[in-house]
Amino acid sequence: AWCIAALARGDLIQVQVESADGSMKP
């Protein structure tokens, strides 16, 4: 709930992070 609210306020962004196996995780 904190992440959703912070995202709506612009305090957070969503990113894609590359894992060691090359896959991406939000």
mmCIF file of all heavy atoms, coordinates in Angstrom:
data_MODEL
# 
_entry.id   MODEL 
# 
loop_
_atom_site.group_PDB 
_atom_site.id 
_atom_site.type_symbol 
_atom_site.label_atom_id 
_atom_site.label_alt_id 
_atom_site.label_comp_id 
_atom_site.label_asym_id 
_atom_site.label_entity_id 
_atom_site.label_seq_id 
_atom_site.pdbx_PDB_ins_code 
_atom_site.Cartn_x 
_atom_site.Cartn_y 
_atom_site.Cartn_z 
_atom_site.occupancy 
_atom_site.B_iso_or_equiv 
_atom_site.pdbx_formal_charge 
_atom_site.auth_seq_id 
_atom_site.auth_comp_id 
_atom_site.auth_asym_id 
_atom_site.auth_atom_id 
_atom_site.pdbx_PDB_model_num 
ATOM 1   N N   . ALA A 1 1  ? 0.833  -1.205  0.000   1.00 0.00 ? 1  ALA A N   1 
ATOM 2   C CA  . ALA A 1 1  ? 0.000  0.000   0.000   1.00 0.00 ? 1  ALA A CA  1 
ATOM 3   C C   . ALA A 1 1  ? 0.866  1.251   0.000   1.00 0.00 ? 1  ALA A C   1 
ATOM 4   O O   . ALA A 1 1  ? 0.546  2.244   -0.679  1.00 0.00 ? 1  ALA A O   1 
ATOM 5   C CB  . ALA A 1 1  ? -0.927 -0.016  1.216   1.00 0.00 ? 1  ALA A CB  1 
ATOM 6   N N   . TRP A 1 2  ? 1.973  1.221   0.735   1.00 0.00 ? 2  TRP A N   1 
ATOM 7   C CA  . TRP A 1 2  ? 2.884  2.371   0.758   1.00 0.00 ? 2  TRP A CA  1 
ATOM 8   C C   . TRP A 1 2  ? 3.480  2.609   -0.624  1.00 0.00 ? 2  TRP A C   1 
ATOM 9   O O   . TRP A 1 2  ? 3.567  3.755   -1.086  1.00 0.00 ? 2  TRP A O   1 
ATOM 10  C CB  . TRP A 1 2  ? 3.997  2.119   1.770   1.00 0.00 ? 2  TRP A CB  1 
ATOM 11  C CG  . TRP A 1 2  ? 4.966  3.257   1.886   1.00 0.00 ? 2  TRP A CG  1 
ATOM 12  C CD1 . TRP A 1 2  ? 4.858  4.358   2.687   1.00 0.00 ? 2  TRP A CD1 1 
ATOM 13  C CD2 . TRP A 1 2  ? 6.200  3.415   1.159   1.00 0.00 ? 2  TRP A CD2 1 
ATOM 14  N NE1 . TRP A 1 2  ? 5.937  5.194   2.502   1.00 0.00 ? 2  TRP A NE1 1 
ATOM 15  C CE2 . TRP A 1 2  ? 6.772  4.640   1.575   1.00 0.00 ? 2  TRP A CE2 1 
ATOM 16  C CE3 . TRP A 1 2  ? 6.862  2.649   0.208   1.00 0.00 ? 2  TRP A CE3 1 
ATOM 17  C CZ2 . TRP A 1 2  ? 7.987  5.104   1.071   1.00 0.00 ? 2  TRP A CZ2 1 
ATOM 18  C CZ3 . TRP A 1 2  ? 8.066  3.106   -0.298  1.00 0.00 ? 2  TRP A CZ3 1 
ATOM 19  C CH2 . TRP A 1 2  ? 8.618  4.320   0.134   1.00 0.00 ? 2  TRP A CH2 1 
ATOM 20  N N   . CYS A 1 3  ? 3.890  1.542   -1.307  1.00 0.00 ? 3  CYS A N   1 
ATOM 21  C CA  . CYS A 1 3  ? 4.466  1.675   -2.652  1.00 0.00 ? 3  CYS A CA  1 
ATOM 22  C C   . CYS A 1 3  ? 3.456  2.251   -3.637  1.00 0.00 ? 3  CYS A C   1 
ATOM 23  O O   . CYS A 1 3  ? 3.804  3.121   -4.458  1.00 0.00 ? 3  CYS A O   1 
ATOM 24  C CB  . CYS A 1 3  ? 4.954  0.321   -3.150  1.00 0.00 ? 3  CYS A CB  1 
ATOM 25  S SG  . CYS A 1 3  ? 6.444  -0.286  -2.329  1.00 0.00 ? 3  CYS A SG  1 
ATOM 26  N N   . ILE A 1 4  ? 2.230  1.787   -3.572  1.00 0.00 ? 4  ILE A N   1 
ATOM 27  C CA  . ILE A 1 4  ? 1.199  2.278   -4.491  1.00 0.00 ? 4  ILE A CA  1 
ATOM 28  C C   . ILE A 1 4  ? 0.962  3.770   -4.274  1.00 0.00 ? 4  ILE A C   1 
ATOM 29  O O   . ILE A 1 4  ? 0.878  4.551   -5.229  1.00 0.00 ? 4  ILE A O   1 
ATOM 30  C CB  . ILE A 1 4  ? -0.106 1.471   -4.303  1.00 0.00 ? 4  ILE A CB  1 
ATOM 31  C CG1 . ILE A 1 4  ? 0.099  0.023   -4.786  1.00 0.00 ? 4  ILE A CG1 1 
ATOM 32  C CG2 . ILE A 1 4  ? -1.265 2.127   -5.036  1.00 0.00 ? 4  ILE A CG2 1 
ATOM 33  C CD1 . ILE A 1 4  ? -1.041 -0.908  -4.434  1.00 0.00 ? 4  ILE A CD1 1 
ATOM 34  N N   . ALA A 1 5  ? 0.883  4.174   -2.994  1.00 0.00 ? 5  ALA A N   1 
ATOM 35  C CA  . ALA A 1 5  ? 0.664  5.589   -2.683  1.00 0.00 ? 5  ALA A CA  1 
ATOM 36  C C   . ALA A 1 5  ? 1.865  6.439   -3.091  1.00 0.00 ? 5  ALA A C   1 
ATOM 37  O O   . ALA A 1 5  ? 1.714  7.533   -3.646  1.00 0.00 ? 5  ALA A O   1 
ATOM 38  C CB  . ALA A 1 5  ? 0.371  5.753   -1.189  1.00 0.00 ? 5  ALA A CB  1 
ATOM 39  N N   . ALA A 1 6  ? 3.083  5.942   -2.837  1.00 0.00 ? 6  ALA A N   1 
ATOM 40  C CA  . ALA A 1 6  ? 4.295  6.693   -3.195  1.00 0.00 ? 6  ALA A CA  1 
ATOM 41  C C   . ALA A 1 6  ? 4.432  6.809   -4.707  1.00 0.00 ? 6  ALA A C   1 
ATOM 42  O O   . ALA A 1 6  ? 4.883  7.840   -5.230  1.00 0.00 ? 6  ALA A O   1 
ATOM 43  C CB  . ALA A 1 6  ? 5.524  6.020   -2.593  1.00 0.00 ? 6  ALA A CB  1 
ATOM 44  N N   . LEU A 1 7  ? 4.037  5.762   -5.416  1.00 0.00 ? 7  LEU A N   1 
ATOM 45  C CA  . LEU A 1 7  ? 4.069  5.792   -6.883  1.00 0.00 ? 7  LEU A CA  1 
ATOM 46  C C   . LEU A 1 7  ? 3.106  6.840   -7.413  1.00 0.00 ? 7  LEU A C   1 
ATOM 47  O O   . LEU A 1 7  ? 3.433  7.626   -8.325  1.00 0.00 ? 7  LEU A O   1 
ATOM 48  C CB  . LEU A 1 7  ? 3.711  4.405   -7.427  1.00 0.00 ? 7  LEU A CB  1 
ATOM 49  C CG  . LEU A 1 7  ? 3.886  4.162   -8.923  1.00 0.00 ? 7  LEU A CG  1 
ATOM 50  C CD1 . LEU A 1 7  ? 5.363  4.221   -9.309  1.00 0.00 ? 7  LEU A CD1 1 
ATOM 51  C CD2 . LEU A 1 7  ? 3.297  2.794   -9.301  1.00 0.00 ? 7  LEU A CD2 1 
ATOM 52  N N   . ALA A 1 8  ? 1.923  6.919   -6.823  1.00 0.00 ? 8  ALA A N   1 
ATOM 53  C CA  . ALA A 1 8  ? 0.915  7.902   -7.251  1.00 0.00 ? 8  ALA A CA  1 
ATOM 54  C C   . ALA A 1 8  ? 1.372  9.328   -6.979  1.00 0.00 ? 8  ALA A C   1 
ATOM 55  O O   . ALA A 1 8  ? 1.052  10.252  -7.753  1.00 0.00 ? 8  ALA A O   1 
ATOM 56  C CB  . ALA A 1 8  ? -0.405 7.617   -6.532  1.00 0.00 ? 8  ALA A CB  1 
ATOM 57  N N   . ARG A 1 9  ? 2.136  9.535   -5.896  1.00 0.00 ? 9  ARG A N   1 
ATOM 58  C CA  . ARG A 1 9  ? 2.646  10.872  -5.568  1.00 0.00 ? 9  ARG A CA  1 
ATOM 59  C C   . ARG A 1 9  ? 3.861  11.262  -6.399  1.00 0.00 ? 9  ARG A C   1 
ATOM 60  O O   . ARG A 1 9  ? 4.299  12.410  -6.380  1.00 0.00 ? 9  ARG A O   1 
ATOM 61  C CB  . ARG A 1 9  ? 3.058  10.930  -4.087  1.00 0.00 ? 9  ARG A CB  1 
ATOM 62  C CG  . ARG A 1 9  ? 1.933  10.831  -3.093  1.00 0.00 ? 9  ARG A CG  1 
ATOM 63  C CD  . ARG A 1 9  ? 2.420  11.214  -1.701  1.00 0.00 ? 9  ARG A CD  1 
ATOM 64  N NE  . ARG A 1 9  ? 3.572  10.426  -1.279  1.00 0.00 ? 9  ARG A NE  1 
ATOM 65  C CZ  . ARG A 1 9  ? 3.500  9.288   -0.586  1.00 0.00 ? 9  ARG A CZ  1 
ATOM 66  N NH1 . ARG A 1 9  ? 2.302  8.798   -0.250  1.00 0.00 ? 9  ARG A NH1 1 
ATOM 67  N NH2 . ARG A 1 9  ? 4.597  8.647   -0.239  1.00 0.00 ? 9  ARG A NH2 1 
ATOM 68  N N   . GLY A 1 10 ? 4.428  10.300  -7.089  1.00 0.00 ? 10 GLY A N   1 
ATOM 69  C CA  . GLY A 1 10 ? 5.651  10.562  -7.838  1.00 0.00 ? 10 GLY A CA  1 
ATOM 70  C C   . GLY A 1 10 ? 6.915  10.387  -7.015  1.00 0.00 ? 10 GLY A C   1 
ATOM 71  O O   . GLY A 1 10 ? 8.011  10.740  -7.472  1.00 0.00 ? 10 GLY A O   1 
ATOM 72  N N   . ASP A 1 11 ? 6.780  9.826   -5.803  1.00 0.00 ? 11 ASP A N   1 
ATOM 73  C CA  . ASP A 1 11 ? 7.948  9.603   -4.951  1.00 0.00 ? 11 ASP A CA  1 
ATOM 74  C C   . ASP A 1 11 ? 8.703  8.339   -5.337  1.00 0.00 ? 11 ASP A C   1 
ATOM 75  O O   . ASP A 1 11 ? 9.842  8.140   -4.907  1.00 0.00 ? 11 ASP A O   1 
ATOM 76  C CB  . ASP A 1 11 ? 7.525  9.510   -3.483  1.00 0.00 ? 11 ASP A CB  1 
ATOM 77  C CG  . ASP A 1 11 ? 6.983  10.831  -2.957  1.00 0.00 ? 11 ASP A CG  1 
ATOM 78  O OD1 . ASP A 1 11 ? 7.296  11.868  -3.560  1.00 0.00 ? 11 ASP A OD1 1 
ATOM 79  O OD2 . ASP A 1 11 ? 6.241  10.812  -1.950  1.00 0.00 ? 11 ASP A OD2 1 
ATOM 80  N N   . LEU A 1 12 ? 8.062  7.460   -6.094  1.00 0.00 ? 12 LEU A N   1 
ATOM 81  C CA  . LEU A 1 12 ? 8.691  6.247   -6.599  1.00 0.00 ? 12 LEU A CA  1 
ATOM 82  C C   . LEU A 1 12 ? 8.419  6.124   -8.099  1.00 0.00 ? 12 LEU A C   1 
ATOM 83  O O   . LEU A 1 12 ? 7.457  6.695   -8.616  1.00 0.00 ? 12 LEU A O   1 
ATOM 84  C CB  . LEU A 1 12 ? 8.149  4.993   -5.897  1.00 0.00 ? 12 LEU A CB  1 
ATOM 85  C CG  . LEU A 1 12 ? 8.439  4.778   -4.408  1.00 0.00 ? 12 LEU A CG  1 
ATOM 86  C CD1 . LEU A 1 12 ? 7.804  3.459   -3.948  1.00 0.00 ? 12 LEU A CD1 1 
ATOM 87  C CD2 . LEU A 1 12 ? 9.923  4.778   -4.117  1.00 0.00 ? 12 LEU A CD2 1 
ATOM 88  N N   . ILE A 1 13 ? 9.275  5.368   -8.759  1.00 0.00 ? 13 ILE A N   1 
ATOM 89  C CA  . ILE A 1 13 ? 9.032  4.969   -10.144 1.00 0.00 ? 13 ILE A CA  1 
ATOM 90  C C   . ILE A 1 13 ? 9.120  3.458   -10.212 1.00 0.00 ? 13 ILE A C   1 
ATOM 91  O O   . ILE A 1 13 ? 9.633  2.805   -9.290  1.00 0.00 ? 13 ILE A O   1 
ATOM 92  C CB  . ILE A 1 13 ? 10.056 5.596   -11.113 1.00 0.00 ? 13 ILE A CB  1 
ATOM 93  C CG1 . ILE A 1 13 ? 11.492 5.194   -10.723 1.00 0.00 ? 13 ILE A CG1 1 
ATOM 94  C CG2 . ILE A 1 13 ? 9.899  7.116   -11.157 1.00 0.00 ? 13 ILE A CG2 1 
ATOM 95  C CD1 . ILE A 1 13 ? 12.549 5.631   -11.721 1.00 0.00 ? 13 ILE A CD1 1 
ATOM 96  N N   . GLN A 1 14 ? 8.621  2.889   -11.284 1.00 0.00 ? 14 GLN A N   1 
ATOM 97  C CA  . GLN A 1 14 ? 8.770  1.464   -11.519 1.00 0.00 ? 14 GLN A CA  1 
ATOM 98  C C   . GLN A 1 14 ? 9.941  1.247   -12.470 1.00 0.00 ? 14 GLN A C   1 
ATOM 99  O O   . GLN A 1 14 ? 10.089 1.966   -13.475 1.00 0.00 ? 14 GLN A O   1 
ATOM 100 C CB  . GLN A 1 14 ? 7.491  0.862   -12.080 1.00 0.00 ? 14 GLN A CB  1 
ATOM 101 C CG  . GLN A 1 14 ? 6.373  0.771   -11.044 1.00 0.00 ? 14 GLN A CG  1 
ATOM 102 C CD  . GLN A 1 14 ? 5.153  0.067   -11.575 1.00 0.00 ? 14 GLN A CD  1 
ATOM 103 O OE1 . GLN A 1 14 ? 4.571  0.487   -12.579 1.00 0.00 ? 14 GLN A OE1 1 
ATOM 104 N NE2 . GLN A 1 14 ? 4.736  -0.994  -10.914 1.00 0.00 ? 14 GLN A NE2 1 
ATOM 105 N N   . VAL A 1 15 ? 10.768 0.280   -12.154 1.00 0.00 ? 15 VAL A N   1 
ATOM 106 C CA  . VAL A 1 15 ? 11.935 -0.033  -12.977 1.00 0.00 ? 15 VAL A CA  1 
ATOM 107 C C   . VAL A 1 15 ? 11.960 -1.531  -13.254 1.00 0.00 ? 15 VAL A C   1 
ATOM 108 O O   . VAL A 1 15 ? 11.279 -2.314  -12.579 1.00 0.00 ? 15 VAL A O   1 
ATOM 109 C CB  . VAL A 1 15 ? 13.245 0.395   -12.280 1.00 0.00 ? 15 VAL A CB  1 
ATOM 110 C CG1 . VAL A 1 15 ? 13.298 1.897   -12.104 1.00 0.00 ? 15 VAL A CG1 1 
ATOM 111 C CG2 . VAL A 1 15 ? 13.408 -0.307  -10.925 1.00 0.00 ? 15 VAL A CG2 1 
ATOM 112 N N   . GLN A 1 16 ? 12.736 -1.909  -14.248 1.00 0.00 ? 16 GLN A N   1 
ATOM 113 C CA  . GLN A 1 16 ? 12.984 -3.312  -14.547 1.00 0.00 ? 16 GLN A CA  1 
ATOM 114 C C   . GLN A 1 16 ? 14.430 -3.614  -14.165 1.00 0.00 ? 16 GLN A C   1 
ATOM 115 O O   . GLN A 1 16 ? 15.362 -2.936  -14.620 1.00 0.00 ? 16 GLN A O   1 
ATOM 116 C CB  . GLN A 1 16 ? 12.758 -3.607  -16.030 1.00 0.00 ? 16 GLN A CB  1 
ATOM 117 C CG  . GLN A 1 16 ? 11.307 -3.458  -16.477 1.00 0.00 ? 16 GLN A CG  1 
ATOM 118 C CD  . GLN A 1 16 ? 10.425 -4.566  -15.930 1.00 0.00 ? 16 GLN A CD  1 
ATOM 119 O OE1 . GLN A 1 16 ? 10.836 -5.729  -15.835 1.00 0.00 ? 16 GLN A OE1 1 
ATOM 120 N NE2 . GLN A 1 16 ? 9.191  -4.214  -15.571 1.00 0.00 ? 16 GLN A NE2 1 
ATOM 121 N N   . VAL A 1 17 ? 14.623 -4.600  -13.330 1.00 0.00 ? 17 VAL A N   1 
ATOM 122 C CA  . VAL A 1 17 ? 15.952 -4.947  -12.827 1.00 0.00 ? 17 VAL A CA  1 
ATOM 123 C C   . VAL A 1 17 ? 16.389 -6.270  -13.450 1.00 0.00 ? 17 VAL A C   1 
ATOM 124 O O   . VAL A 1 17 ? 15.666 -7.266  -13.390 1.00 0.00 ? 17 VAL A O   1 
ATOM 125 C CB  . VAL A 1 17 ? 15.954 -5.063  -11.291 1.00 0.00 ? 17 VAL A CB  1 
ATOM 126 C CG1 . VAL A 1 17 ? 17.339 -5.443  -10.779 1.00 0.00 ? 17 VAL A CG1 1 
ATOM 127 C CG2 . VAL A 1 17 ? 15.500 -3.748  -10.660 1.00 0.00 ? 17 VAL A CG2 1 
ATOM 128 N N   . GLU A 1 18 ? 17.582 -6.253  -14.034 1.00 0.00 ? 18 GLU A N   1 
ATOM 129 C CA  . GLU A 1 18 ? 18.105 -7.465  -14.659 1.00 0.00 ? 18 GLU A CA  1 
ATOM 130 C C   . GLU A 1 18 ? 18.669 -8.404  -13.601 1.00 0.00 ? 18 GLU A C   1 
ATOM 131 O O   . GLU A 1 18 ? 19.479 -8.007  -12.763 1.00 0.00 ? 18 GLU A O   1 
ATOM 132 C CB  . GLU A 1 18 ? 19.194 -7.129  -15.674 1.00 0.00 ? 18 GLU A CB  1 
ATOM 133 C CG  . GLU A 1 18 ? 19.677 -8.343  -16.451 1.00 0.00 ? 18 GLU A CG  1 
ATOM 134 C CD  . GLU A 1 18 ? 20.669 -8.006  -17.547 1.00 0.00 ? 18 GLU A CD  1 
ATOM 135 O OE1 . GLU A 1 18 ? 21.019 -6.806  -17.664 1.00 0.00 ? 18 GLU A OE1 1 
ATOM 136 O OE2 . GLU A 1 18 ? 21.093 -8.926  -18.273 1.00 0.00 ? 18 GLU A OE2 1 
ATOM 137 N N   . SER A 1 19 ? 18.250 -9.647  -13.662 1.00 0.00 ? 19 SER A N   1 
ATOM 138 C CA  . SER A 1 19 ? 18.741 -10.665 -12.733 1.00 0.00 ? 19 SER A CA  1 
ATOM 139 C C   . SER A 1 19 ? 20.028 -11.282 -13.266 1.00 0.00 ? 19 SER A C   1 
ATOM 140 O O   . SER A 1 19 ? 20.419 -11.071 -14.421 1.00 0.00 ? 19 SER A O   1 
ATOM 141 C CB  . SER A 1 19 ? 17.683 -11.761 -12.548 1.00 0.00 ? 19 SER A CB  1 
ATOM 142 O OG  . SER A 1 19 ? 16.477 -11.209 -12.061 1.00 0.00 ? 19 SER A OG  1 
ATOM 143 N N   . ALA A 1 20 ? 20.680 -12.075 -12.439 1.00 0.00 ? 20 ALA A N   1 
ATOM 144 C CA  . ALA A 1 20 ? 21.935 -12.709 -12.838 1.00 0.00 ? 20 ALA A CA  1 
ATOM 145 C C   . ALA A 1 20 ? 21.752 -13.633 -14.037 1.00 0.00 ? 20 ALA A C   1 
ATOM 146 O O   . ALA A 1 20 ? 22.682 -13.812 -14.829 1.00 0.00 ? 20 ALA A O   1 
ATOM 147 C CB  . ALA A 1 20 ? 22.518 -13.489 -11.659 1.00 0.00 ? 20 ALA A CB  1 
ATOM 148 N N   . ASP A 1 21 ? 20.557 -14.193 -14.189 1.00 0.00 ? 21 ASP A N   1 
ATOM 149 C CA  . ASP A 1 21 ? 20.304 -15.098 -15.319 1.00 0.00 ? 21 ASP A CA  1 
ATOM 150 C C   . ASP A 1 21 ? 19.821 -14.371 -16.569 1.00 0.00 ? 21 ASP A C   1 
ATOM 151 O O   . ASP A 1 21 ? 19.455 -14.999 -17.565 1.00 0.00 ? 21 ASP A O   1 
ATOM 152 C CB  . ASP A 1 21 ? 19.297 -16.180 -14.917 1.00 0.00 ? 21 ASP A CB  1 
ATOM 153 C CG  . ASP A 1 21 ? 17.924 -15.612 -14.552 1.00 0.00 ? 21 ASP A CG  1 
ATOM 154 O OD1 . ASP A 1 21 ? 17.711 -14.380 -14.680 1.00 0.00 ? 21 ASP A OD1 1 
ATOM 155 O OD2 . ASP A 1 21 ? 17.056 -16.396 -14.119 1.00 0.00 ? 21 ASP A OD2 1 
ATOM 156 N N   . GLY A 1 22 ? 19.804 -13.034 -16.513 1.00 0.00 ? 22 GLY A N   1 
ATOM 157 C CA  . GLY A 1 22 ? 19.392 -12.249 -17.673 1.00 0.00 ? 22 GLY A CA  1 
ATOM 158 C C   . GLY A 1 22 ? 17.923 -11.899 -17.716 1.00 0.00 ? 22 GLY A C   1 
ATOM 159 O O   . GLY A 1 22 ? 17.509 -11.070 -18.544 1.00 0.00 ? 22 GLY A O   1 
ATOM 160 N N   . SER A 1 23 ? 17.119 -12.499 -16.848 1.00 0.00 ? 23 SER A N   1 
ATOM 161 C CA  . SER A 1 23 ? 15.698 -12.184 -16.818 1.00 0.00 ? 23 SER A CA  1 
ATOM 162 C C   . SER A 1 23 ? 15.473 -10.833 -16.158 1.00 0.00 ? 23 SER A C   1 
ATOM 163 O O   . SER A 1 23 ? 16.329 -10.326 -15.436 1.00 0.00 ? 23 SER A O   1 
ATOM 164 C CB  . SER A 1 23 ? 14.925 -13.275 -16.069 1.00 0.00 ? 23 SER A CB  1 
ATOM 165 O OG  . SER A 1 23 ? 15.338 -13.329 -14.711 1.00 0.00 ? 23 SER A OG  1 
ATOM 166 N N   . MET A 1 24 ? 14.310 -10.245 -16.417 1.00 0.00 ? 24 MET A N   1 
ATOM 167 C CA  . MET A 1 24 ? 13.981 -8.938  -15.874 1.00 0.00 ? 24 MET A CA  1 
ATOM 168 C C   . MET A 1 24 ? 12.883 -9.077  -14.829 1.00 0.00 ? 24 MET A C   1 
ATOM 169 O O   . MET A 1 24 ? 11.952 -9.877  -14.999 1.00 0.00 ? 24 MET A O   1 
ATOM 170 C CB  . MET A 1 24 ? 13.529 -7.995  -16.986 1.00 0.00 ? 24 MET A CB  1 
ATOM 171 C CG  . MET A 1 24 ? 14.515 -7.856  -18.135 1.00 0.00 ? 24 MET A CG  1 
ATOM 172 S SD  . MET A 1 24 ? 16.125 -7.182  -17.630 1.00 0.00 ? 24 MET A SD  1 
ATOM 173 C CE  . MET A 1 24 ? 15.675 -5.461  -17.364 1.00 0.00 ? 24 MET A CE  1 
ATOM 174 N N   . LYS A 1 25 ? 12.985 -8.283  -13.770 1.00 0.00 ? 25 LYS A N   1 
ATOM 175 C CA  . LYS A 1 25 ? 11.979 -8.318  -12.712 1.00 0.00 ? 25 LYS A CA  1 
ATOM 176 C C   . LYS A 1 25 ? 11.605 -6.881  -12.345 1.00 0.00 ? 25 LYS A C   1 
ATOM 177 O O   . LYS A 1 25 ? 12.481 -6.041  -12.151 1.00 0.00 ? 25 LYS A O   1 
ATOM 178 C CB  . LYS A 1 25 ? 12.514 -9.044  -11.480 1.00 0.00 ? 25 LYS A CB  1 
ATOM 179 C CG  . LYS A 1 25 ? 11.481 -9.199  -10.359 1.00 0.00 ? 25 LYS A CG  1 
ATOM 180 C CD  . LYS A 1 25 ? 12.049 -9.986  -9.196  1.00 0.00 ? 25 LYS A CD  1 
ATOM 181 C CE  . LYS A 1 25 ? 11.046 -10.093 -8.046  1.00 0.00 ? 25 LYS A CE  1 
ATOM 182 N NZ  . LYS A 1 25 ? 9.877  -10.897 -8.400  1.00 0.00 ? 25 LYS A NZ  1 
ATOM 183 N N   . PRO A 1 26 ? 10.308 -6.592  -12.237 1.00 0.00 ? 26 PRO A N   1 
ATOM 184 C CA  . PRO A 1 26 ? 9.900  -5.232  -11.876 1.00 0.00 ? 26 PRO A CA  1 
ATOM 185 C C   . PRO A 1 26 ? 10.201 -4.923  -10.414 1.00 0.00 ? 26 PRO A C   1 
ATOM 186 O O   . PRO A 1 26 ? 10.180 -5.807  -9.552  1.00 0.00 ? 26 PRO A O   1 
ATOM 187 C CB  . PRO A 1 26 ? 8.394  -5.242  -12.144 1.00 0.00 ? 26 PRO A CB  1 
ATOM 188 C CG  . PRO A 1 26 ? 7.981  -6.676  -12.008 1.00 0.00 ? 26 PRO A CG  1 
ATOM 189 C CD  . PRO A 1 26 ? 9.151  -7.480  -12.489 1.00 0.00 ? 26 PRO A CD  1 
# 
